[in-house]
Amino acid sequence: MSMKQSIAFPVLLLLLLGVTSSATMRFAPLQREQILNVRIDPTHVLRSIKGVRIRFAPGQPTGRHLHPVPTVGVVTEGTFVFQAQGEQSKLLGKGDAFYEPAGVPILMFNNRSATSPAEIEAFYLQEDPSSPIVKMLSAP
């Protein structure tokens, strides 16, 4: 056996043992915690999902708006004050999921912090992928 082969064999053996040991490791079952459960209008036909990351400057509001399509998302950074028309305002923090029904005005979705940025990831459940995903509304 050459010197290269005698060095390569133990290295190869260690790599194979490492792969084998991680492949045979036992893990506890995945834990699933429900964070959102909403009913979508049964007449809605889902043909496309558009996902976006939205970054808010410190203290930045969204302004009054609505979505022509159902919208779901999660806060990935910071804290928001969220209020849909007809609902009480609520705080959403990192990891919290939200739902914005199609056609319902969103009165506020504001970065609560005056000093730190915040971020959400939103998913628009579209019938037509070319349709607009947001409509800004004038102040009441």
C-alpha atoms as a PDB file:
ATOM      1  CA  MET A   1       0.000   0.000   0.000  1.00  0.00           C
ATOM      2  CA  SER A   2       1.452   3.403  -0.938  1.00  0.00           C
ATOM      3  CA  MET A   3       1.810   6.276   1.531  1.00  0.00           C
ATOM      4  CA  LYS A   4      -1.082   8.154  -0.167  1.00  0.00           C
ATOM      5  CA  GLN A   5      -3.322   5.108   0.100  1.00  0.00           C
ATOM      6  CA  SER A   6      -2.423   4.511   3.751  1.00  0.00           C
ATOM      7  CA  ILE A   7      -3.375   8.132   4.633  1.00  0.00           C
ATOM      8  CA  ALA A   8      -6.460   8.249   2.396  1.00  0.00           C
ATOM      9  CA  PHE A   9      -7.995   5.034   3.758  1.00  0.00           C
ATOM     10  CA  PRO A  10      -8.391   6.218   7.406  1.00  0.00           C
ATOM     11  CA  VAL A  11      -9.714   9.589   6.243  1.00  0.00           C
ATOM     12  CA  LEU A  12     -12.240   7.869   3.976  1.00  0.00           C
ATOM     13  CA  LEU A  13     -13.209   5.498   6.777  1.00  0.00           C
ATOM     14  CA  LEU A  14     -13.814   8.400   9.182  1.00  0.00           C
ATOM     15  CA  LEU A  15     -15.937  10.214   6.605  1.00  0.00           C
ATOM     16  CA  LEU A  16     -18.027   7.114   5.976  1.00  0.00           C
ATOM     17  CA  LEU A  17     -18.484   6.493   9.690  1.00  0.00           C
ATOM     18  CA  GLY A  18     -19.540  10.113  10.162  1.00  0.00           C
ATOM     19  CA  VAL A  19     -22.134   9.858   7.401  1.00  0.00           C
ATOM     20  CA  THR A  20     -23.348   6.506   8.669  1.00  0.00           C
ATOM     21  CA  SER A  21     -23.655   7.664  12.267  1.00  0.00           C
ATOM     22  CA  SER A  22     -25.626  10.811  11.365  1.00  0.00           C
ATOM     23  CA  ALA A  23     -27.854   8.798   9.019  1.00  0.00           C
ATOM     24  CA  THR A  24     -28.712   6.305  11.772  1.00  0.00           C
ATOM     25  CA  MET A  25     -29.256   8.858  14.554  1.00  0.00           C
ATOM     26  CA  ARG A  26     -32.666   8.783  16.166  1.00  0.00           C
ATOM     27  CA  PHE A  27     -34.562  12.030  16.535  1.00  0.00           C
ATOM     28  CA  ALA A  28     -37.660  12.823  18.517  1.00  0.00           C
ATOM     29  CA  PRO A  29     -40.731  13.397  16.326  1.00  0.00           C
ATOM     30  CA  LEU A  30     -41.019  16.895  14.872  1.00  0.00           C
ATOM     31  CA  GLN A  31     -43.143  19.182  17.022  1.00  0.00           C
ATOM     32  CA  ARG A  32     -45.859  21.129  15.259  1.00  0.00           C
ATOM     33  CA  GLU A  33     -47.561  24.077  16.925  1.00  0.00           C
ATOM     34  CA  GLN A  34     -50.525  25.628  15.171  1.00  0.00           C
ATOM     35  CA  ILE A  35     -50.006  29.353  14.691  1.00  0.00           C
ATOM     36  CA  LEU A  36     -52.816  30.132  12.258  1.00  0.00           C
ATOM     37  CA  ASN A  37     -56.119  28.521  11.289  1.00  0.00           C
ATOM     38  CA  VAL A  38     -58.457  30.542   9.056  1.00  0.00           C
ATOM     39  CA  ARG A  39     -61.145  29.634   6.583  1.00  0.00           C
ATOM     40  CA  ILE A  40     -60.773  30.995   3.065  1.00  0.00           C
ATOM     41  CA  ASP A  41     -63.882  32.041   1.125  1.00  0.00           C
ATOM     42  CA  PRO A  42     -64.957  28.797  -0.585  1.00  0.00           C
ATOM     43  CA  THR A  43     -65.539  30.654  -3.862  1.00  0.00           C
ATOM     44  CA  HIS A  44     -61.878  31.712  -3.968  1.00  0.00           C
ATOM     45  CA  VAL A  45     -59.843  29.788  -6.539  1.00  0.00           C
ATOM     46  CA  LEU A  46     -56.168  29.562  -5.642  1.00  0.00           C
ATOM     47  CA  ARG A  47     -53.976  29.587  -8.726  1.00  0.00           C
ATOM     48  CA  SER A  48     -50.871  31.365  -7.476  1.00  0.00           C
ATOM     49  CA  ILE A  49     -49.121  32.273  -4.232  1.00  0.00           C
ATOM     50  CA  LYS A  50     -46.918  35.350  -4.220  1.00  0.00           C
ATOM     51  CA  GLY A  51     -44.559  35.726  -1.260  1.00  0.00           C
ATOM     52  CA  VAL A  52     -42.846  38.991  -0.354  1.00  0.00           C
ATOM     53  CA  ARG A  53     -40.579  40.248   2.412  1.00  0.00           C
ATOM     54  CA  ILE A  54     -41.554  43.724   3.600  1.00  0.00           C
ATOM     55  CA  ARG A  55     -39.102  45.809   5.607  1.00  0.00           C
ATOM     56  CA  PHE A  56     -40.362  48.695   7.779  1.00  0.00           C
ATOM     57  CA  ALA A  57     -38.244  51.626   8.929  1.00  0.00           C
ATOM     58  CA  PRO A  58     -38.463  52.544  12.624  1.00  0.00           C
ATOM     59  CA  GLY A  59     -41.994  53.792  13.351  1.00  0.00           C
ATOM     60  CA  GLN A  60     -43.176  53.245   9.760  1.00  0.00           C
ATOM     61  CA  PRO A  61     -46.913  52.640   9.198  1.00  0.00           C
ATOM     62  CA  THR A  62     -48.399  50.858   6.185  1.00  0.00           C
ATOM     63  CA  GLY A  63     -51.249  53.286   5.763  1.00  0.00           C
ATOM     64  CA  ARG A  64     -54.866  52.173   5.366  1.00  0.00           C
ATOM     65  CA  HIS A  65     -55.113  49.478   2.740  1.00  0.00           C
ATOM     66  CA  LEU A  66     -56.839  46.307   1.680  1.00  0.00           C
ATOM     67  CA  HIS A  67     -55.898  43.250  -0.287  1.00  0.00           C
ATOM     68  CA  PRO A  68     -58.137  41.993  -3.084  1.00  0.00           C
ATOM     69  CA  VAL A  69     -56.911  38.482  -2.190  1.00  0.00           C
ATOM     70  CA  PRO A  70     -56.557  36.606   1.122  1.00  0.00           C
ATOM     71  CA  THR A  71     -53.181  37.366   2.683  1.00  0.00           C
ATOM     72  CA  VAL A  72     -51.284  35.407   5.332  1.00  0.00           C
ATOM     73  CA  GLY A  73     -47.886  36.044   6.821  1.00  0.00           C
ATOM     74  CA  VAL A  74     -45.518  36.003   9.745  1.00  0.00           C
ATOM     75  CA  VAL A  75     -43.541  38.630  11.619  1.00  0.00           C
ATOM     76  CA  THR A  76     -39.847  37.899  11.147  1.00  0.00           C
ATOM     77  CA  GLU A  77     -38.443  40.864  13.070  1.00  0.00           C
ATOM     78  CA  GLY A  78     -39.768  43.483  15.481  1.00  0.00           C
ATOM     79  CA  THR A  79     -43.247  44.203  16.811  1.00  0.00           C
ATOM     80  CA  PHE A  80     -46.287  45.546  14.972  1.00  0.00           C
ATOM     81  CA  VAL A  81     -49.626  47.065  15.889  1.00  0.00           C
ATOM     82  CA  PHE A  82     -52.206  45.386  13.639  1.00  0.00           C
ATOM     83  CA  GLN A  83     -55.883  46.220  13.223  1.00  0.00           C
ATOM     84  CA  ALA A  84     -58.354  45.043  10.610  1.00  0.00           C
ATOM     85  CA  GLN A  85     -61.665  46.896  10.291  1.00  0.00           C
ATOM     86  CA  GLY A  86     -64.176  45.624  12.848  1.00  0.00           C
ATOM     87  CA  GLU A  87     -61.456  44.084  15.044  1.00  0.00           C
ATOM     88  CA  GLN A  88     -59.555  45.255  18.113  1.00  0.00           C
ATOM     89  CA  SER A  89     -55.930  46.256  17.546  1.00  0.00           C
ATOM     90  CA  LYS A  90     -53.364  43.692  18.632  1.00  0.00           C
ATOM     91  CA  LEU A  91     -49.617  43.392  18.980  1.00  0.00           C
ATOM     92  CA  LEU A  92     -47.769  40.991  16.718  1.00  0.00           C
ATOM     93  CA  GLY A  93     -44.213  39.990  17.602  1.00  0.00           C
ATOM     94  CA  LYS A  94     -41.527  37.891  15.969  1.00  0.00           C
ATOM     95  CA  GLY A  95     -42.956  34.503  14.998  1.00  0.00           C
ATOM     96  CA  ASP A  96     -46.606  35.617  15.172  1.00  0.00           C
ATOM     97  CA  ALA A  97     -48.770  34.775  12.155  1.00  0.00           C
ATOM     98  CA  PHE A  98     -51.437  37.062  10.735  1.00  0.00           C
ATOM     99  CA  TYR A  99     -54.335  36.906   8.289  1.00  0.00           C
ATOM    100  CA  GLU A 100     -55.797  39.735   6.235  1.00  0.00           C
ATOM    101  CA  PRO A 101     -59.086  38.708   4.585  1.00  0.00           C
ATOM    102  CA  ALA A 102     -59.705  39.745   0.991  1.00  0.00           C
ATOM    103  CA  GLY A 103     -61.509  43.070   0.716  1.00  0.00           C
ATOM    104  CA  VAL A 104     -61.332  43.973   4.426  1.00  0.00           C
ATOM    105  CA  PRO A 105     -59.702  47.359   5.147  1.00  0.00           C
ATOM    106  CA  ILE A 106     -56.581  47.149   7.284  1.00  0.00           C
ATOM    107  CA  LEU A 107     -56.620  50.212   9.500  1.00  0.00           C
ATOM    108  CA  MET A 108     -53.080  49.780  10.748  1.00  0.00           C
ATOM    109  CA  PHE A 109     -50.117  47.499  10.398  1.00  0.00           C
ATOM    110  CA  ASN A 110     -47.450  49.681  11.943  1.00  0.00           C
ATOM    111  CA  ASN A 111     -43.919  49.119  13.177  1.00  0.00           C
ATOM    112  CA  ARG A 112     -44.345  49.719  16.899  1.00  0.00           C
ATOM    113  CA  SER A 113     -40.710  50.682  17.513  1.00  0.00           C
ATOM    114  CA  ALA A 114     -39.564  54.253  16.895  1.00  0.00           C
ATOM    115  CA  THR A 115     -35.928  53.124  16.962  1.00  0.00           C
ATOM    116  CA  SER A 116     -35.696  49.671  15.313  1.00  0.00           C
ATOM    117  CA  PRO A 117     -36.674  48.341  11.893  1.00  0.00           C
ATOM    118  CA  ALA A 118     -39.197  45.515  11.592  1.00  0.00           C
ATOM    119  CA  GLU A 119     -40.044  42.931   8.943  1.00  0.00           C
ATOM    120  CA  ILE A 120     -42.817  40.635   7.797  1.00  0.00           C
ATOM    121  CA  GLU A 121     -43.120  37.934   5.174  1.00  0.00           C
ATOM    122  CA  ALA A 122     -46.524  38.006   3.467  1.00  0.00           C
ATOM    123  CA  PHE A 123     -48.106  35.485   1.100  1.00  0.00           C
ATOM    124  CA  TYR A 124     -50.872  36.547  -1.274  1.00  0.00           C
ATOM    125  CA  LEU A 125     -53.274  33.760  -2.327  1.00  0.00           C
ATOM    126  CA  GLN A 126     -54.128  34.805  -5.862  1.00  0.00           C
ATOM    127  CA  GLU A 127     -56.609  33.654  -8.457  1.00  0.00           C
ATOM    128  CA  ASP A 128     -54.804  35.661 -11.140  1.00  0.00           C
ATOM    129  CA  PRO A 129     -51.024  36.054 -10.675  1.00  0.00           C
ATOM    130  CA  SER A 130     -51.083  39.336 -12.613  1.00  0.00           C
ATOM    131  CA  SER A 131     -53.692  40.990 -10.385  1.00  0.00           C
ATOM    132  CA  PRO A 132     -52.662  43.683  -7.875  1.00  0.00           C
ATOM    133  CA  ILE A 133     -51.951  42.509  -4.329  1.00  0.00           C
ATOM    134  CA  VAL A 134     -52.671  45.726  -2.425  1.00  0.00           C
ATOM    135  CA  LYS A 135     -54.947  48.744  -2.766  1.00  0.00           C
ATOM    136  CA  MET A 136     -54.128  51.833  -0.700  1.00  0.00           C
ATOM    137  CA  LEU A 137     -57.137  53.590   0.867  1.00  0.00           C
ATOM    138  CA  SER A 138     -57.585  57.237   1.729  1.00  0.00           C
ATOM    139  CA  ALA A 139     -57.819  58.333   5.357  1.00  0.00           C
ATOM    140  CA  PRO A 140     -61.369  58.156   6.801  1.00  0.00           C
END
